[in-house]
N, C-alpha and C. Protein backbone atom coordinates (compact mmCIF):
# COMPACT_ATOMS: atom_id res chain seq x y z
N MET A 1 27.70 -22.62 124.99
CA MET A 1 28.22 -23.96 124.72
C MET A 1 27.23 -25.03 125.20
N GLU A 2 26.66 -24.82 126.39
CA GLU A 2 25.69 -25.79 126.93
C GLU A 2 24.47 -25.88 126.02
N ASN A 3 24.04 -24.71 125.51
CA ASN A 3 22.87 -24.67 124.62
C ASN A 3 23.16 -25.45 123.34
N LYS A 4 24.37 -25.33 122.82
CA LYS A 4 24.76 -26.03 121.61
C LYS A 4 24.77 -27.54 121.83
N VAL A 5 25.29 -27.95 122.96
CA VAL A 5 25.33 -29.38 123.30
C VAL A 5 23.93 -29.93 123.46
N GLU A 6 23.07 -29.13 124.09
CA GLU A 6 21.69 -29.56 124.30
C GLU A 6 20.96 -29.74 122.96
N LYS A 7 21.19 -28.81 122.02
CA LYS A 7 20.57 -28.91 120.70
C LYS A 7 21.05 -30.16 119.97
N GLN A 8 22.34 -30.44 120.11
CA GLN A 8 22.90 -31.61 119.46
C GLN A 8 22.32 -32.90 120.03
N ASN A 9 22.11 -32.91 121.34
CA ASN A 9 21.51 -34.07 121.99
C ASN A 9 20.09 -34.30 121.51
N VAL A 10 19.34 -33.20 121.38
CA VAL A 10 17.96 -33.31 120.90
C VAL A 10 17.95 -33.83 119.46
N SER A 11 18.87 -33.31 118.63
CA SER A 11 18.97 -33.76 117.24
C SER A 11 19.31 -35.25 117.17
N ASN A 12 20.21 -35.69 118.02
CA ASN A 12 20.58 -37.11 118.05
C ASN A 12 19.40 -37.99 118.45
N MET A 13 18.60 -37.50 119.40
CA MET A 13 17.42 -38.24 119.84
C MET A 13 16.41 -38.37 118.70
N LYS A 14 16.26 -37.27 117.94
CA LYS A 14 15.33 -37.30 116.81
C LYS A 14 15.81 -38.27 115.73
N GLN A 15 17.11 -38.25 115.47
CA GLN A 15 17.68 -39.17 114.50
C GLN A 15 17.45 -40.62 114.92
N GLU A 16 17.61 -40.89 116.18
CA GLU A 16 17.40 -42.24 116.69
C GLU A 16 15.94 -42.66 116.55
N LEU A 17 15.04 -41.71 116.77
CA LEU A 17 13.61 -41.99 116.63
C LEU A 17 13.26 -42.32 115.18
N ILE A 18 13.79 -41.51 114.25
CA ILE A 18 13.56 -41.77 112.82
C ILE A 18 14.09 -43.15 112.44
N LYS A 19 15.26 -43.48 112.96
CA LYS A 19 15.87 -44.77 112.64
C LYS A 19 14.99 -45.93 113.10
N LYS A 20 14.48 -45.82 114.31
CA LYS A 20 13.67 -46.91 114.85
C LYS A 20 12.33 -47.02 114.16
N GLU A 21 11.69 -45.87 113.91
CA GLU A 21 10.33 -45.87 113.38
C GLU A 21 10.28 -46.02 111.86
N TYR A 22 11.39 -45.71 111.19
CA TYR A 22 11.35 -45.66 109.74
C TYR A 22 12.47 -46.48 109.09
N GLN A 23 13.71 -46.12 109.39
CA GLN A 23 14.82 -46.75 108.69
C GLN A 23 15.00 -48.22 109.03
N ASP A 24 14.75 -48.62 110.26
CA ASP A 24 14.90 -50.02 110.64
C ASP A 24 13.83 -50.89 110.01
N ASN A 25 12.76 -50.26 109.50
CA ASN A 25 11.67 -50.99 108.83
C ASN A 25 11.47 -50.43 107.42
N LEU A 26 12.57 -50.09 106.76
CA LEU A 26 12.51 -49.34 105.51
C LEU A 26 11.72 -50.06 104.42
N THR A 27 12.07 -51.30 104.13
CA THR A 27 11.39 -52.02 103.05
C THR A 27 9.91 -52.25 103.34
N SER A 28 9.59 -52.56 104.61
CA SER A 28 8.18 -52.77 104.99
C SER A 28 7.40 -51.47 104.81
N TYR A 29 8.00 -50.37 105.23
CA TYR A 29 7.36 -49.06 105.10
C TYR A 29 7.11 -48.72 103.63
N LEU A 30 8.12 -48.96 102.80
CA LEU A 30 8.01 -48.61 101.38
C LEU A 30 7.02 -49.52 100.65
N ASP A 31 6.99 -50.81 101.03
CA ASP A 31 6.00 -51.72 100.44
C ASP A 31 4.59 -51.25 100.75
N SER A 32 4.37 -50.87 102.00
CA SER A 32 3.05 -50.40 102.43
C SER A 32 2.67 -49.11 101.71
N LYS A 33 3.64 -48.22 101.58
CA LYS A 33 3.39 -46.95 100.90
C LYS A 33 3.09 -47.16 99.42
N LEU A 34 3.81 -48.09 98.78
CA LEU A 34 3.58 -48.38 97.37
C LEU A 34 2.18 -48.93 97.16
N ASP A 35 1.74 -49.84 98.03
CA ASP A 35 0.39 -50.38 97.95
C ASP A 35 -0.66 -49.27 98.08
N GLU A 36 -0.38 -48.34 98.98
CA GLU A 36 -1.30 -47.22 99.22
C GLU A 36 -1.42 -46.34 97.97
N VAL A 37 -0.29 -46.04 97.36
CA VAL A 37 -0.28 -45.19 96.16
C VAL A 37 -1.00 -45.89 95.01
N ILE A 38 -0.74 -47.17 94.81
CA ILE A 38 -1.39 -47.93 93.73
C ILE A 38 -2.91 -47.95 93.93
N GLU A 39 -3.33 -48.16 95.16
CA GLU A 39 -4.76 -48.20 95.46
C GLU A 39 -5.43 -46.86 95.16
N LYS A 40 -4.77 -45.76 95.55
CA LYS A 40 -5.34 -44.44 95.31
C LYS A 40 -5.36 -44.11 93.82
N LEU A 41 -4.35 -44.59 93.10
CA LEU A 41 -4.32 -44.37 91.66
C LEU A 41 -5.49 -45.10 90.97
N GLN A 42 -5.74 -46.31 91.40
CA GLN A 42 -6.82 -47.10 90.81
C GLN A 42 -8.18 -46.49 91.10
N LYS A 43 -8.33 -45.96 92.31
CA LYS A 43 -9.62 -45.37 92.70
C LYS A 43 -9.84 -44.00 92.06
N SER A 44 -8.74 -43.31 91.75
CA SER A 44 -8.85 -41.93 91.27
C SER A 44 -9.31 -41.83 89.82
N ASN A 45 -9.19 -42.96 89.08
CA ASN A 45 -9.55 -42.96 87.66
C ASN A 45 -8.78 -41.89 86.89
N LYS A 46 -7.46 -41.80 87.15
CA LYS A 46 -6.53 -40.88 86.47
C LYS A 46 -6.76 -39.41 86.80
N ASN A 47 -7.51 -39.13 87.84
CA ASN A 47 -7.84 -37.74 88.14
C ASN A 47 -6.91 -37.09 89.16
N LEU A 48 -5.91 -37.80 89.62
CA LEU A 48 -4.98 -37.21 90.58
C LEU A 48 -4.10 -36.19 89.87
N SER A 49 -3.97 -35.01 90.48
CA SER A 49 -3.12 -33.97 89.90
C SER A 49 -1.66 -34.24 90.24
N THR A 50 -0.77 -33.51 89.58
CA THR A 50 0.66 -33.64 89.86
C THR A 50 0.95 -33.28 91.32
N ILE A 51 0.29 -32.27 91.83
CA ILE A 51 0.49 -31.86 93.23
C ILE A 51 0.05 -32.96 94.18
N GLU A 52 -1.06 -33.61 93.87
CA GLU A 52 -1.55 -34.71 94.72
C GLU A 52 -0.59 -35.90 94.68
N LEU A 53 -0.04 -36.18 93.49
CA LEU A 53 0.91 -37.28 93.36
C LEU A 53 2.20 -36.98 94.14
N ARG A 54 2.64 -35.74 94.05
CA ARG A 54 3.84 -35.35 94.80
C ARG A 54 3.60 -35.50 96.30
N SER A 55 2.41 -35.16 96.74
CA SER A 55 2.08 -35.29 98.16
C SER A 55 2.05 -36.75 98.60
N LEU A 56 1.55 -37.62 97.71
CA LEU A 56 1.52 -39.05 98.03
C LEU A 56 2.92 -39.62 98.17
N LEU A 57 3.84 -39.15 97.33
CA LEU A 57 5.19 -39.68 97.35
C LEU A 57 6.04 -39.08 98.47
N ALA A 58 5.72 -37.88 98.90
CA ALA A 58 6.56 -37.19 99.88
C ALA A 58 6.60 -37.93 101.21
N GLN A 59 7.77 -37.91 101.81
CA GLN A 59 7.91 -38.51 103.13
C GLN A 59 7.31 -37.59 104.19
N LYS A 60 6.42 -38.13 104.98
CA LYS A 60 5.77 -37.33 106.02
C LYS A 60 6.65 -37.34 107.28
N ASN A 61 7.34 -36.23 107.48
CA ASN A 61 8.30 -36.15 108.59
C ASN A 61 7.99 -34.90 109.42
N THR A 62 7.48 -35.10 110.60
CA THR A 62 7.12 -33.97 111.47
C THR A 62 8.16 -33.72 112.55
N ILE A 63 9.23 -34.49 112.53
CA ILE A 63 10.26 -34.36 113.58
C ILE A 63 11.17 -33.17 113.31
N GLY A 64 11.39 -32.84 112.05
CA GLY A 64 12.18 -31.66 111.73
C GLY A 64 13.63 -31.92 111.38
N VAL A 65 14.04 -33.18 111.30
CA VAL A 65 15.41 -33.50 110.89
C VAL A 65 15.35 -34.52 109.76
N SER A 66 16.37 -34.49 108.91
CA SER A 66 16.42 -35.42 107.79
C SER A 66 17.09 -36.72 108.21
N PRO A 67 16.62 -37.84 107.67
CA PRO A 67 17.27 -39.12 107.98
C PRO A 67 18.71 -39.14 107.47
N LYS A 68 19.56 -39.87 108.15
CA LYS A 68 20.94 -40.06 107.71
C LYS A 68 21.07 -41.49 107.19
N TYR A 69 20.99 -41.62 105.88
CA TYR A 69 20.97 -42.93 105.27
C TYR A 69 22.38 -43.47 105.04
N ASN A 70 22.52 -44.79 105.24
CA ASN A 70 23.76 -45.42 104.78
C ASN A 70 23.58 -45.77 103.30
N ASN A 71 24.61 -46.26 102.67
CA ASN A 71 24.56 -46.51 101.23
C ASN A 71 23.56 -47.59 100.85
N THR A 72 23.42 -48.60 101.68
CA THR A 72 22.45 -49.67 101.41
C THR A 72 21.03 -49.12 101.42
N GLU A 73 20.73 -48.29 102.41
CA GLU A 73 19.39 -47.69 102.50
C GLU A 73 19.12 -46.77 101.31
N LEU A 74 20.14 -46.01 100.91
CA LEU A 74 19.97 -45.10 99.77
C LEU A 74 19.69 -45.89 98.49
N ALA A 75 20.39 -47.00 98.31
CA ALA A 75 20.17 -47.85 97.13
C ALA A 75 18.75 -48.44 97.14
N ILE A 76 18.29 -48.85 98.32
CA ILE A 76 16.93 -49.39 98.45
C ILE A 76 15.89 -48.32 98.08
N LEU A 77 16.10 -47.11 98.58
CA LEU A 77 15.19 -46.01 98.29
C LEU A 77 15.12 -45.72 96.79
N PHE A 78 16.26 -45.77 96.14
CA PHE A 78 16.30 -45.54 94.70
C PHE A 78 15.53 -46.63 93.95
N ASP A 79 15.72 -47.87 94.35
CA ASP A 79 14.99 -48.98 93.70
C ASP A 79 13.48 -48.80 93.84
N TYR A 80 13.05 -48.42 95.04
CA TYR A 80 11.61 -48.24 95.28
C TYR A 80 11.08 -47.01 94.54
N TYR A 81 11.88 -45.96 94.47
CA TYR A 81 11.44 -44.76 93.76
C TYR A 81 11.14 -45.10 92.30
N GLN A 82 11.98 -45.92 91.70
CA GLN A 82 11.73 -46.35 90.32
C GLN A 82 10.43 -47.14 90.22
N LEU A 83 10.15 -47.97 91.22
CA LEU A 83 8.90 -48.73 91.24
C LEU A 83 7.69 -47.81 91.32
N PHE A 84 7.80 -46.79 92.16
CA PHE A 84 6.71 -45.82 92.30
C PHE A 84 6.45 -45.11 90.97
N ILE A 85 7.52 -44.63 90.34
CA ILE A 85 7.38 -43.91 89.08
C ILE A 85 6.79 -44.82 88.00
N GLU A 86 7.26 -46.06 87.96
CA GLU A 86 6.76 -47.02 86.97
C GLU A 86 5.27 -47.27 87.14
N ASN A 87 4.83 -47.47 88.37
CA ASN A 87 3.41 -47.77 88.62
C ASN A 87 2.53 -46.55 88.39
N ILE A 88 3.01 -45.37 88.74
CA ILE A 88 2.23 -44.16 88.49
C ILE A 88 2.03 -43.95 87.00
N ASN A 89 3.07 -44.21 86.21
CA ASN A 89 2.99 -43.96 84.77
C ASN A 89 2.15 -44.99 84.03
N LYS A 90 1.76 -46.04 84.69
CA LYS A 90 0.80 -46.97 84.10
C LYS A 90 -0.58 -46.33 84.03
N VAL A 91 -0.78 -45.33 84.90
CA VAL A 91 -2.08 -44.67 84.99
C VAL A 91 -2.03 -43.24 84.47
N LYS A 92 -0.96 -42.54 84.81
CA LYS A 92 -0.86 -41.12 84.48
C LYS A 92 0.61 -40.74 84.33
N GLN A 93 0.93 -39.90 83.35
CA GLN A 93 2.32 -39.49 83.17
C GLN A 93 2.81 -38.68 84.37
N PHE A 94 3.93 -39.10 84.91
CA PHE A 94 4.52 -38.41 86.05
C PHE A 94 6.03 -38.63 85.97
N LEU A 95 6.77 -37.58 85.64
CA LEU A 95 8.20 -37.70 85.44
C LEU A 95 8.97 -37.54 86.74
N PRO A 96 10.02 -38.31 86.92
CA PRO A 96 10.86 -38.14 88.11
C PRO A 96 11.65 -36.84 88.02
N THR A 97 11.88 -36.22 89.14
CA THR A 97 12.72 -35.02 89.20
C THR A 97 13.61 -35.10 90.43
N LYS A 98 14.62 -34.29 90.43
CA LYS A 98 15.54 -34.25 91.56
C LYS A 98 14.82 -33.86 92.85
N LYS A 99 14.03 -32.81 92.78
CA LYS A 99 13.33 -32.33 93.98
C LYS A 99 12.28 -33.32 94.45
N ASN A 100 11.65 -34.00 93.49
CA ASN A 100 10.66 -35.01 93.88
C ASN A 100 11.31 -36.19 94.58
N PHE A 101 12.47 -36.61 94.07
CA PHE A 101 13.19 -37.70 94.71
C PHE A 101 13.61 -37.29 96.13
N CYS A 102 14.08 -36.05 96.27
CA CYS A 102 14.47 -35.55 97.59
C CYS A 102 13.30 -35.57 98.55
N SER A 103 12.14 -35.15 98.06
CA SER A 103 10.93 -35.16 98.89
C SER A 103 10.55 -36.59 99.27
N PHE A 104 10.74 -37.51 98.34
CA PHE A 104 10.41 -38.92 98.56
C PHE A 104 11.24 -39.53 99.69
N ILE A 105 12.52 -39.15 99.77
CA ILE A 105 13.38 -39.73 100.80
C ILE A 105 13.54 -38.80 102.01
N GLY A 106 12.96 -37.59 101.94
CA GLY A 106 12.95 -36.71 103.11
C GLY A 106 14.21 -35.91 103.34
N VAL A 107 14.91 -35.54 102.26
CA VAL A 107 16.11 -34.71 102.41
C VAL A 107 15.99 -33.49 101.49
N SER A 108 16.90 -32.54 101.68
CA SER A 108 16.89 -31.34 100.85
C SER A 108 17.72 -31.56 99.58
N SER A 109 17.51 -30.68 98.59
CA SER A 109 18.30 -30.76 97.37
C SER A 109 19.78 -30.45 97.65
N LYS A 110 20.03 -29.66 98.69
CA LYS A 110 21.42 -29.38 99.07
C LYS A 110 22.11 -30.65 99.55
N THR A 111 21.40 -31.46 100.31
CA THR A 111 21.95 -32.74 100.76
C THR A 111 22.22 -33.64 99.56
N TYR A 112 21.31 -33.65 98.61
CA TYR A 112 21.47 -34.42 97.37
C TYR A 112 22.77 -34.02 96.68
N ASP A 113 23.00 -32.72 96.54
CA ASP A 113 24.21 -32.23 95.88
C ASP A 113 25.47 -32.61 96.66
N ASN A 114 25.37 -32.54 97.98
CA ASN A 114 26.53 -32.92 98.82
C ASN A 114 26.86 -34.40 98.65
N TRP A 115 25.85 -35.22 98.54
CA TRP A 115 26.07 -36.66 98.35
C TRP A 115 26.74 -36.93 97.01
N ARG A 116 26.39 -36.16 96.00
CA ARG A 116 27.01 -36.34 94.68
C ARG A 116 28.51 -36.07 94.73
N GLN A 117 28.93 -35.20 95.62
CA GLN A 117 30.33 -34.82 95.73
C GLN A 117 31.02 -35.48 96.92
N ALA A 118 30.39 -36.48 97.49
CA ALA A 118 30.94 -37.14 98.67
C ALA A 118 32.27 -37.83 98.35
N GLU A 119 33.11 -37.94 99.35
CA GLU A 119 34.38 -38.65 99.17
C GLU A 119 34.17 -40.15 99.06
N ASP A 120 33.04 -40.62 99.58
CA ASP A 120 32.68 -42.03 99.53
C ASP A 120 32.38 -42.43 98.08
N ILE A 121 33.22 -43.25 97.47
CA ILE A 121 33.06 -43.63 96.07
C ILE A 121 31.76 -44.39 95.83
N GLU A 122 31.38 -45.25 96.78
CA GLU A 122 30.14 -46.01 96.63
C GLU A 122 28.93 -45.08 96.60
N ARG A 123 28.95 -44.06 97.46
CA ARG A 123 27.83 -43.11 97.48
C ARG A 123 27.81 -42.30 96.18
N GLN A 124 28.96 -41.90 95.71
CA GLN A 124 29.04 -41.20 94.43
C GLN A 124 28.42 -42.02 93.31
N GLU A 125 28.71 -43.31 93.31
CA GLU A 125 28.20 -44.20 92.27
C GLU A 125 26.67 -44.31 92.34
N ILE A 126 26.13 -44.44 93.54
CA ILE A 126 24.68 -44.51 93.71
C ILE A 126 24.03 -43.22 93.22
N MET A 127 24.60 -42.08 93.62
CA MET A 127 24.04 -40.80 93.24
C MET A 127 24.13 -40.58 91.73
N GLN A 128 25.20 -41.08 91.11
CA GLN A 128 25.32 -40.95 89.66
C GLN A 128 24.23 -41.75 88.96
N LYS A 129 23.91 -42.93 89.49
CA LYS A 129 22.84 -43.75 88.93
C LYS A 129 21.49 -43.04 89.05
N ILE A 130 21.26 -42.41 90.19
CA ILE A 130 20.01 -41.66 90.40
C ILE A 130 19.93 -40.50 89.42
N ASP A 131 21.02 -39.76 89.30
CA ASP A 131 21.09 -38.63 88.38
C ASP A 131 20.84 -39.08 86.95
N ASP A 132 21.50 -40.18 86.55
CA ASP A 132 21.35 -40.70 85.19
C ASP A 132 19.90 -41.11 84.91
N TYR A 133 19.29 -41.75 85.88
CA TYR A 133 17.90 -42.20 85.74
C TYR A 133 16.97 -41.01 85.50
N ILE A 134 17.10 -39.99 86.32
CA ILE A 134 16.22 -38.82 86.23
C ILE A 134 16.44 -38.07 84.91
N THR A 135 17.69 -37.76 84.60
CA THR A 135 17.97 -36.96 83.40
C THR A 135 17.65 -37.72 82.12
N ASP A 136 17.87 -39.04 82.12
CA ASP A 136 17.58 -39.82 80.91
C ASP A 136 16.09 -39.81 80.60
N ILE A 137 15.25 -39.98 81.62
CA ILE A 137 13.80 -39.97 81.40
C ILE A 137 13.34 -38.59 80.97
N LEU A 138 13.86 -37.55 81.60
CA LEU A 138 13.47 -36.18 81.25
C LEU A 138 13.83 -35.86 79.80
N LEU A 139 15.07 -36.17 79.42
CA LEU A 139 15.52 -35.83 78.07
C LEU A 139 14.83 -36.68 77.01
N THR A 140 14.61 -37.96 77.32
CA THR A 140 13.91 -38.83 76.37
C THR A 140 12.47 -38.36 76.16
N SER A 141 11.82 -37.96 77.24
CA SER A 141 10.44 -37.45 77.14
C SER A 141 10.39 -36.16 76.33
N ALA A 142 11.42 -35.33 76.48
CA ALA A 142 11.49 -34.10 75.70
C ALA A 142 11.69 -34.40 74.22
N GLN A 143 12.55 -35.36 73.92
CA GLN A 143 12.80 -35.74 72.53
C GLN A 143 11.55 -36.33 71.88
N ASP A 144 10.76 -37.05 72.68
CA ASP A 144 9.54 -37.67 72.17
C ASP A 144 8.37 -36.70 72.11
N GLY A 145 8.60 -35.45 72.56
CA GLY A 145 7.57 -34.44 72.51
C GLY A 145 6.55 -34.54 73.62
N GLU A 146 6.84 -35.33 74.65
CA GLU A 146 5.89 -35.50 75.75
C GLU A 146 5.93 -34.31 76.71
N VAL A 147 7.07 -33.63 76.77
CA VAL A 147 7.21 -32.43 77.59
C VAL A 147 7.95 -31.38 76.77
N LYS A 148 7.94 -30.14 77.24
CA LYS A 148 8.60 -29.07 76.50
C LYS A 148 10.11 -29.24 76.57
N GLU A 149 10.73 -29.23 75.39
CA GLU A 149 12.16 -29.50 75.30
C GLU A 149 13.00 -28.41 75.97
N ILE A 150 12.65 -27.13 75.74
CA ILE A 150 13.44 -26.03 76.29
C ILE A 150 13.41 -26.06 77.81
N SER A 151 12.24 -26.27 78.39
CA SER A 151 12.12 -26.33 79.85
C SER A 151 12.92 -27.49 80.42
N THR A 152 12.90 -28.61 79.71
CA THR A 152 13.63 -29.79 80.18
C THR A 152 15.13 -29.56 80.15
N ILE A 153 15.62 -28.95 79.07
CA ILE A 153 17.06 -28.67 78.96
C ILE A 153 17.48 -27.72 80.08
N TYR A 154 16.65 -26.69 80.33
CA TYR A 154 16.96 -25.75 81.41
C TYR A 154 17.03 -26.48 82.75
N ARG A 155 16.09 -27.38 82.97
CA ARG A 155 16.05 -28.09 84.25
C ARG A 155 17.25 -28.99 84.45
N THR A 156 17.66 -29.69 83.41
CA THR A 156 18.82 -30.58 83.53
C THR A 156 20.09 -29.78 83.76
N LYS A 157 20.16 -28.58 83.18
CA LYS A 157 21.32 -27.72 83.41
C LYS A 157 21.33 -27.19 84.84
N ALA A 158 20.17 -26.66 85.27
CA ALA A 158 20.08 -26.01 86.57
C ALA A 158 20.18 -26.98 87.74
N GLU A 159 19.55 -28.15 87.61
CA GLU A 159 19.47 -29.07 88.74
C GLU A 159 20.52 -30.18 88.71
N HIS A 160 21.01 -30.51 87.52
CA HIS A 160 21.92 -31.64 87.42
C HIS A 160 23.29 -31.27 86.87
N GLY A 161 23.48 -29.99 86.59
CA GLY A 161 24.79 -29.53 86.15
C GLY A 161 25.20 -29.99 84.77
N MET A 162 24.22 -30.40 83.95
CA MET A 162 24.57 -30.87 82.61
C MET A 162 24.94 -29.68 81.73
N VAL A 163 25.85 -29.91 80.80
CA VAL A 163 26.26 -28.87 79.87
C VAL A 163 26.11 -29.40 78.45
N GLU A 164 25.84 -28.47 77.54
CA GLU A 164 25.72 -28.86 76.15
C GLU A 164 27.09 -29.12 75.56
N ALA A 165 27.15 -30.05 74.65
CA ALA A 165 28.41 -30.32 73.98
C ALA A 165 28.84 -29.11 73.18
N SER A 166 30.13 -28.86 73.13
CA SER A 166 30.63 -27.72 72.38
C SER A 166 30.43 -27.95 70.89
N ASN A 167 30.40 -26.86 70.15
CA ASN A 167 30.23 -26.97 68.70
C ASN A 167 31.37 -27.77 68.09
N PRO A 168 31.10 -28.55 67.04
CA PRO A 168 32.17 -29.33 66.43
C PRO A 168 33.25 -28.41 65.87
N ILE A 169 34.48 -28.87 65.96
CA ILE A 169 35.60 -28.10 65.43
C ILE A 169 35.65 -28.30 63.92
N ILE A 170 35.62 -27.21 63.19
CA ILE A 170 35.66 -27.28 61.74
C ILE A 170 37.07 -26.97 61.27
N ILE A 171 37.65 -27.90 60.54
CA ILE A 171 38.99 -27.72 60.02
C ILE A 171 38.87 -27.25 58.57
N GLU A 172 39.39 -26.06 58.33
CA GLU A 172 39.34 -25.52 56.98
C GLU A 172 40.51 -26.06 56.17
N HIS A 173 40.20 -26.79 55.10
CA HIS A 173 41.25 -27.33 54.26
C HIS A 173 41.78 -26.23 53.32
N LYS A 174 43.04 -26.31 52.98
CA LYS A 174 43.61 -25.35 52.05
C LYS A 174 42.94 -25.50 50.69
N SER A 175 42.80 -24.39 50.00
CA SER A 175 42.16 -24.40 48.69
C SER A 175 43.04 -25.14 47.67
N GLN A 176 42.40 -25.51 46.56
CA GLN A 176 43.13 -26.19 45.51
C GLN A 176 44.22 -25.29 44.94
N ALA A 177 43.96 -23.97 44.94
CA ALA A 177 44.96 -23.02 44.44
C ALA A 177 46.24 -23.10 45.26
N ASP A 178 46.09 -23.25 46.60
CA ASP A 178 47.27 -23.37 47.47
C ASP A 178 48.05 -24.64 47.12
N ILE A 179 47.34 -25.73 46.87
CA ILE A 179 47.99 -26.99 46.54
C ILE A 179 48.75 -26.86 45.22
N ASN A 180 48.08 -26.22 44.24
CA ASN A 180 48.74 -26.02 42.95
C ASN A 180 50.01 -25.18 43.12
N SER A 181 49.90 -24.18 43.97
CA SER A 181 51.05 -23.31 44.19
C SER A 181 52.23 -24.09 44.77
N ILE A 182 51.92 -24.92 45.74
CA ILE A 182 52.97 -25.71 46.38
C ILE A 182 53.62 -26.67 45.38
N MET A 183 52.78 -27.33 44.56
CA MET A 183 53.30 -28.28 43.58
C MET A 183 54.19 -27.58 42.55
N LYS A 184 53.79 -26.39 42.16
CA LYS A 184 54.60 -25.62 41.21
C LYS A 184 55.96 -25.28 41.80
N GLN A 185 55.94 -24.91 43.08
CA GLN A 185 57.20 -24.55 43.74
C GLN A 185 58.12 -25.76 43.86
N ILE A 186 57.54 -26.92 44.19
CA ILE A 186 58.34 -28.14 44.29
C ILE A 186 58.95 -28.49 42.94
N GLU A 187 58.14 -28.37 41.90
CA GLU A 187 58.63 -28.67 40.56
C GLU A 187 59.76 -27.73 40.16
N ALA A 188 59.61 -26.45 40.51
CA ALA A 188 60.64 -25.47 40.16
C ALA A 188 61.95 -25.75 40.89
N VAL A 189 61.82 -26.13 42.18
CA VAL A 189 63.02 -26.45 42.96
C VAL A 189 63.72 -27.66 42.37
N ASN A 190 62.92 -28.65 41.94
CA ASN A 190 63.51 -29.85 41.33
C ASN A 190 64.25 -29.53 40.04
N GLN A 191 63.85 -28.44 39.41
CA GLN A 191 64.53 -28.02 38.18
C GLN A 191 65.74 -27.14 38.47
N GLY A 192 66.05 -26.98 39.73
CA GLY A 192 67.24 -26.23 40.10
C GLY A 192 67.03 -24.76 40.28
N LYS A 193 65.77 -24.32 40.31
CA LYS A 193 65.50 -22.89 40.46
C LYS A 193 65.40 -22.52 41.95
N SER A 194 65.67 -21.28 42.27
CA SER A 194 65.58 -20.80 43.64
C SER A 194 64.17 -20.32 43.95
N LEU A 195 63.69 -20.63 45.17
CA LEU A 195 62.35 -20.17 45.56
C LEU A 195 62.24 -18.65 45.57
N ARG A 196 63.37 -18.02 45.78
CA ARG A 196 63.35 -16.56 45.85
C ARG A 196 63.03 -15.92 44.51
N THR A 197 63.30 -16.66 43.43
CA THR A 197 63.06 -16.11 42.10
C THR A 197 61.76 -16.57 41.49
N ILE A 198 60.99 -17.32 42.29
CA ILE A 198 59.75 -17.90 41.75
C ILE A 198 58.54 -17.14 42.30
N GLU A 199 57.68 -16.75 41.46
CA GLU A 199 56.41 -16.17 41.89
C GLU A 199 55.32 -16.75 41.01
N LEU A 200 54.35 -17.34 41.62
CA LEU A 200 53.25 -17.94 40.85
C LEU A 200 52.09 -16.96 40.80
N LYS A 201 51.56 -16.80 39.62
CA LYS A 201 50.45 -15.87 39.44
C LYS A 201 49.34 -16.54 38.67
N GLN A 202 48.10 -16.40 39.20
CA GLN A 202 46.97 -17.03 38.53
C GLN A 202 46.63 -16.28 37.25
N GLN A 203 46.47 -17.06 36.16
CA GLN A 203 46.15 -16.49 34.87
C GLN A 203 44.63 -16.38 34.70
N ASP A 204 44.24 -15.74 33.61
CA ASP A 204 42.81 -15.54 33.35
C ASP A 204 42.05 -16.85 33.21
N ASP A 205 42.74 -17.87 32.70
CA ASP A 205 42.08 -19.16 32.50
C ASP A 205 42.06 -20.02 33.77
N GLY A 206 42.60 -19.46 34.88
CA GLY A 206 42.60 -20.19 36.16
C GLY A 206 43.85 -20.98 36.41
N SER A 207 44.74 -21.08 35.42
CA SER A 207 45.98 -21.82 35.63
C SER A 207 47.00 -20.93 36.31
N TYR A 208 48.14 -21.54 36.74
CA TYR A 208 49.19 -20.80 37.42
C TYR A 208 50.45 -20.83 36.56
N ALA A 209 51.09 -19.67 36.42
CA ALA A 209 52.32 -19.57 35.62
C ALA A 209 53.41 -18.93 36.47
N GLU A 210 54.67 -19.27 36.15
CA GLU A 210 55.79 -18.72 36.89
C GLU A 210 56.15 -17.33 36.38
N GLU A 211 56.52 -16.50 37.32
CA GLU A 211 57.07 -15.21 36.95
C GLU A 211 58.36 -15.03 37.70
N GLU A 212 59.44 -14.73 37.00
CA GLU A 212 60.74 -14.58 37.62
C GLU A 212 61.13 -13.11 37.63
N ASN A 213 61.73 -12.69 38.76
CA ASN A 213 62.16 -11.31 38.88
C ASN A 213 63.41 -11.09 38.04
């Protein structure tokens, strides 16, 4: 029990350190980081690889715990992430992904999924906007032929829980022969005949004639 309490105390201290060094200066940190990324992009002459770009965006966290963001901080991070993606794509194509966003804010994909299912309605709304942003760009890029469509569909299913729309329901209309049959029966009933004595049979010429038992 003492060991568990001690671990929790250490974790709390680390969280407090992250808050002071990073979260309390979130916008200043992100502005500085954005300037750094833009400068490296300009100097690289489009030669930065996807791995290098991912490394530039990733949050450098050596403490070993993930930040605990409030909703305002999460919304700010999302706004800045869009700015990063926009500026990178002015130089080189780089699509946003769920795992890349998680790396950018320093949390795991499991935490991302938990936030999507949070009881907090405001957090759910923010996460839905993030999800919509990522999946819309991925699917649009696939439709435009910029990335492989099959891989993109697989990724949106696996990482974002998207499902394909079900096949349209096809309603089979009754054939004209059925309609003719019904009309003949109605006409016969109107003439005072019993349905039990009426049998319609298709003739060689395609018409229908009555046959009585």
